[in-house]
C-alpha atoms as a PDB file:
ATOM      1  CA  MET A   1     156.786  92.881  91.604  1.00  0.00           C
ATOM      2  CA  ALA A   2     157.079  91.110  94.915  1.00  0.00           C
ATOM      3  CA  ALA A   3     154.477  89.290  96.918  1.00  0.00           C
ATOM      4  CA  VAL A   4     152.436  91.377  99.363  1.00  0.00           C
ATOM      5  CA  LYS A   5     154.036  90.375 102.670  1.00  0.00           C
ATOM      6  CA  GLU A   6     151.215  91.949 104.713  1.00  0.00           C
ATOM      7  CA  LEU A   7     148.777  89.637 102.825  1.00  0.00           C
ATOM      8  CA  LEU A   8     146.331  92.546 102.420  1.00  0.00           C
ATOM      9  CA  LYS A   9     147.024  96.268 102.590  1.00  0.00           C
ATOM     10  CA  ALA A  10     145.384  99.558 101.738  1.00  0.00           C
ATOM     11  CA  GLU A  11     147.400 101.787  99.427  1.00  0.00           C
ATOM     12  CA  ALA A  12     147.609 105.588  99.667  1.00  0.00           C
ATOM     13  CA  ASP A  13     145.823 105.914  96.296  1.00  0.00           C
ATOM     14  CA  GLY A  14     142.675 104.176  97.598  1.00  0.00           C
ATOM     15  CA  THR A  15     143.406 100.763  96.094  1.00  0.00           C
ATOM     16  CA  LEU A  16     144.126  97.375  97.679  1.00  0.00           C
ATOM     17  CA  SER A  17     147.134  95.085  97.342  1.00  0.00           C
ATOM     18  CA  PHE A  18     146.975  91.437  98.393  1.00  0.00           C
ATOM     19  CA  GLY A  19     148.351  87.943  97.888  1.00  0.00           C
ATOM     20  CA  ASP A  20     151.623  86.138  98.578  1.00  0.00           C
ATOM     21  CA  TYR A  21     152.368  83.364  96.086  1.00  0.00           C
ATOM     22  CA  THR A  22     155.671  82.577  97.838  1.00  0.00           C
ATOM     23  CA  LEU A  23     153.987  80.915 100.850  1.00  0.00           C
ATOM     24  CA  ASP A  24     154.123  77.120 101.099  1.00  0.00           C
ATOM     25  CA  SER A  25     150.996  76.773 103.228  1.00  0.00           C
ATOM     26  CA  LYS A  26     147.602  78.467 103.117  1.00  0.00           C
ATOM     27  CA  THR A  27     147.578  81.700 105.114  1.00  0.00           C
ATOM     28  CA  LYS A  28     144.610  83.982 105.672  1.00  0.00           C
ATOM     29  CA  LEU A  29     143.756  87.396 107.009  1.00  0.00           C
ATOM     30  CA  ASP A  30     140.154  88.091 108.006  1.00  0.00           C
ATOM     31  CA  GLY A  31     138.326  91.221 109.124  1.00  0.00           C
ATOM     32  CA  PHE A  32     140.442  93.769 107.230  1.00  0.00           C
ATOM     33  CA  GLU A  33     138.429  96.996 107.137  1.00  0.00           C
ATOM     34  CA  PHE A  34     138.725  99.193 104.041  1.00  0.00           C
ATOM     35  CA  GLN A  35     136.365 101.993 103.005  1.00  0.00           C
ATOM     36  CA  GLY A  36     133.584 100.668 105.244  1.00  0.00           C
ATOM     37  CA  ASP A  37     133.795  97.072 103.991  1.00  0.00           C
ATOM     38  CA  LEU A  38     135.349  93.952 105.539  1.00  0.00           C
ATOM     39  CA  TYR A  39     137.803  91.966 103.445  1.00  0.00           C
ATOM     40  CA  LYS A  40     139.272  88.492 103.787  1.00  0.00           C
ATOM     41  CA  VAL A  41     142.222  87.072 101.873  1.00  0.00           C
ATOM     42  CA  LYS A  42     143.491  83.485 101.622  1.00  0.00           C
ATOM     43  CA  THR A  43     146.753  83.012  99.811  1.00  0.00           C
ATOM     44  CA  PHE A  44     149.682  80.698  99.150  1.00  0.00           C
ATOM     45  CA  SER A  45     151.488  79.179  96.179  1.00  0.00           C
ATOM     46  CA  GLU A  46     148.426  77.291  94.888  1.00  0.00           C
ATOM     47  CA  ILE A  47     145.628  79.899  95.207  1.00  0.00           C
ATOM     48  CA  THR A  48     144.876  83.508  96.093  1.00  0.00           C
ATOM     49  CA  LYS A  49     141.313  84.470  96.999  1.00  0.00           C
ATOM     50  CA  LEU A  50     139.776  87.799  98.055  1.00  0.00           C
ATOM     51  CA  GLU A  51     136.319  88.260  99.578  1.00  0.00           C
ATOM     52  CA  LYS A  52     134.456  91.476 100.405  1.00  0.00           C
ATOM     53  CA  ASN A  53     131.729  91.337 103.071  1.00  0.00           C
ATOM     54  CA  GLY A  54     131.640  87.549 102.696  1.00  0.00           C
ATOM     55  CA  MET A  55     131.177  87.698  98.904  1.00  0.00           C
ATOM     56  CA  PHE A  56     133.607  86.441  96.257  1.00  0.00           C
ATOM     57  CA  VAL A  57     135.728  89.151  94.531  1.00  0.00           C
ATOM     58  CA  TYR A  58     138.905  87.579  93.052  1.00  0.00           C
ATOM     59  CA  GLU A  59     140.533  84.172  92.819  1.00  0.00           C
ATOM     60  CA  SER A  60     143.638  82.984  91.011  1.00  0.00           C
ATOM     61  CA  VAL A  61     145.117  79.550  90.427  1.00  0.00           C
ATOM     62  CA  PRO A  62     147.971  79.266  91.129  1.00  0.00           C
ATOM     63  CA  GLY A  63     148.508  81.970  93.756  1.00  0.00           C
ATOM     64  CA  THR A  64     149.356  85.507  92.655  1.00  0.00           C
ATOM     65  CA  ALA A  65     150.175  88.925  94.077  1.00  0.00           C
ATOM     66  CA  VAL A  66     147.789  91.731  93.164  1.00  0.00           C
ATOM     67  CA  GLU A  67     148.587  95.422  93.438  1.00  0.00           C
ATOM     68  CA  SER A  68     146.462  98.537  92.923  1.00  0.00           C
ATOM     69  CA  PHE A  69     143.190  96.556  92.864  1.00  0.00           C
ATOM     70  CA  LYS A  70     140.221  98.839  92.268  1.00  0.00           C
ATOM     71  CA  ALA A  71     136.677  97.813  91.427  1.00  0.00           C
ATOM     72  CA  THR A  72     133.822 100.090  90.396  1.00  0.00           C
ATOM     73  CA  GLU A  73     130.497  99.291  88.769  1.00  0.00           C
ATOM     74  CA  GLU A  74     132.006  99.880  85.315  1.00  0.00           C
ATOM     75  CA  GLU A  75     135.642  98.763  85.654  1.00  0.00           C
ATOM     76  CA  VAL A  76     138.036  96.511  87.552  1.00  0.00           C
ATOM     77  CA  SER A  77     141.748  97.254  87.304  1.00  0.00           C
ATOM     78  CA  PHE A  78     144.859  95.806  88.935  1.00  0.00           C
ATOM     79  CA  LYS A  79     148.428  94.609  88.399  1.00  0.00           C
ATOM     80  CA  VAL A  80     149.022  90.889  88.845  1.00  0.00           C
ATOM     81  CA  SER A  81     152.236  88.906  89.187  1.00  0.00           C
ATOM     82  CA  GLY A  82     153.263  85.320  89.857  1.00  0.00           C
ATOM     83  CA  THR A  83     155.859  82.745  89.020  1.00  0.00           C
ATOM     84  CA  GLN A  84     153.867  81.067  86.247  1.00  0.00           C
ATOM     85  CA  ASP A  85     150.814  81.523  84.027  1.00  0.00           C
ATOM     86  CA  ALA A  86     147.636  81.895  86.067  1.00  0.00           C
ATOM     87  CA  GLN A  87     143.893  81.931  85.628  1.00  0.00           C
ATOM     88  CA  PHE A  88     141.999  84.498  87.632  1.00  0.00           C
ATOM     89  CA  THR A  89     138.271  84.753  88.167  1.00  0.00           C
ATOM     90  CA  LEU A  90     136.423  87.970  89.001  1.00  0.00           C
ATOM     91  CA  GLU A  91     132.922  88.479  90.357  1.00  0.00           C
ATOM     92  CA  LEU A  92     131.183  91.022  88.116  1.00  0.00           C
ATOM     93  CA  GLU A  93     127.648  91.808  86.944  1.00  0.00           C
ATOM     94  CA  ALA A  94     125.799  88.643  85.896  1.00  0.00           C
ATOM     95  CA  ASP A  95     125.182  88.006  82.195  1.00  0.00           C
ATOM     96  CA  SER A  96     127.069  91.136  81.064  1.00  0.00           C
ATOM     97  CA  GLU A  97     129.737  91.878  78.441  1.00  0.00           C
ATOM     98  CA  TYR A  98     133.183  93.210  79.274  1.00  0.00           C
ATOM     99  CA  THR A  99     136.279  94.147  77.306  1.00  0.00           C
ATOM    100  CA  VAL A 100     139.500  92.792  78.811  1.00  0.00           C
ATOM    101  CA  TYR A 101     142.826  94.615  78.412  1.00  0.00           C
ATOM    102  CA  MET A 102     146.217  93.089  79.301  1.00  0.00           C
ATOM    103  CA  ASP A 103     149.119  95.545  79.441  1.00  0.00           C
ATOM    104  CA  GLY A 104     147.023  97.959  77.377  1.00  0.00           C
ATOM    105  CA  ALA A 105     146.314  95.469  74.579  1.00  0.00           C
ATOM    106  CA  ASP A 106     142.731  94.466  73.844  1.00  0.00           C
ATOM    107  CA  ALA A 107     142.430  90.793  74.826  1.00  0.00           C
ATOM    108  CA  GLY A 108     138.868  90.601  73.553  1.00  0.00           C
ATOM    109  CA  ASP A 109     135.295  90.804  74.714  1.00  0.00           C
ATOM    110  CA  MET A 110     134.023  88.330  77.265  1.00  0.00           C
ATOM    111  CA  LYS A 111     130.660  87.645  78.803  1.00  0.00           C
ATOM    112  CA  THR A 112     130.016  86.729  82.426  1.00  0.00           C
ATOM    113  CA  ASN A 113     127.960  83.674  83.249  1.00  0.00           C
ATOM    114  CA  LEU A 114     124.666  83.745  85.137  1.00  0.00           C
ATOM    115  CA  SER A 115     126.502  83.969  88.468  1.00  0.00           C
ATOM    116  CA  GLY A 116     128.601  86.934  87.251  1.00  0.00           C
ATOM    117  CA  LYS A 117     131.943  85.161  87.088  1.00  0.00           C
ATOM    118  CA  LEU A 118     134.525  86.034  84.441  1.00  0.00           C
ATOM    119  CA  SER A 119     137.668  83.895  84.054  1.00  0.00           C
ATOM    120  CA  VAL A 120     140.789  85.145  82.300  1.00  0.00           C
ATOM    121  CA  SER A 121     144.206  83.561  81.775  1.00  0.00           C
ATOM    122  CA  ALA A 122     147.359  85.646  82.116  1.00  0.00           C
ATOM    123  CA  GLU A 123     150.870  84.825  80.979  1.00  0.00           C
ATOM    124  CA  LEU A 124     152.996  85.559  84.035  1.00  0.00           C
ATOM    125  CA  GLU A 125     156.705  85.281  84.653  1.00  0.00           C
ATOM    126  CA  PRO A 126     158.837  86.041  87.726  1.00  0.00           C
ATOM    127  CA  ASP A 127     159.685  89.705  88.421  1.00  0.00           C
ATOM    128  CA  LYS A 128     157.148  90.977  85.900  1.00  0.00           C
ATOM    129  CA  CYS A 129     153.598  92.191  86.365  1.00  0.00           C
ATOM    130  CA  VAL A 130     150.681  92.368  83.967  1.00  0.00           C
ATOM    131  CA  GLU A 131     148.272  95.309  84.076  1.00  0.00           C
ATOM    132  CA  VAL A 132     144.689  94.154  83.768  1.00  0.00           C
ATOM    133  CA  LYS A 133     141.616  96.266  83.026  1.00  0.00           C
ATOM    134  CA  VAL A 134     138.141  94.822  82.664  1.00  0.00           C
ATOM    135  CA  ILE A 135     135.655  97.403  81.386  1.00  0.00           C
ATOM    136  CA  ARG A 136     131.921  96.908  81.138  1.00  0.00           C
ATOM    137  CA  LYS A 137     130.534  97.434  77.637  1.00  0.00           C
END
């Protein structure tokens, strides 16, 4: 899976793709309208961050590319790729339990902190993506 050269784009299936981990310097795109909301992405080799209406949605260290990102009240799903292992953080419901799946395998149950953040590590390698699903229990 390649980096998203447009930085942030709407897909035909109603999902978002964003992030370019191949960039050497921080690049951002602000004011991207999608389904009535405004999105902002900052991305480069060291970090990828997505905000919706000024609120935190996704962040990875180091930078990643994310495809088919979809978030509902009960589930967040996407495909992530990068050149090396990454940790990503999602903004979810505060103090709630979720089951995390990586490439269809149950990676365990995790609980968000009081601010609703959930951090997960993913083993990434070039030219390969990992499918992630986070489902509220």
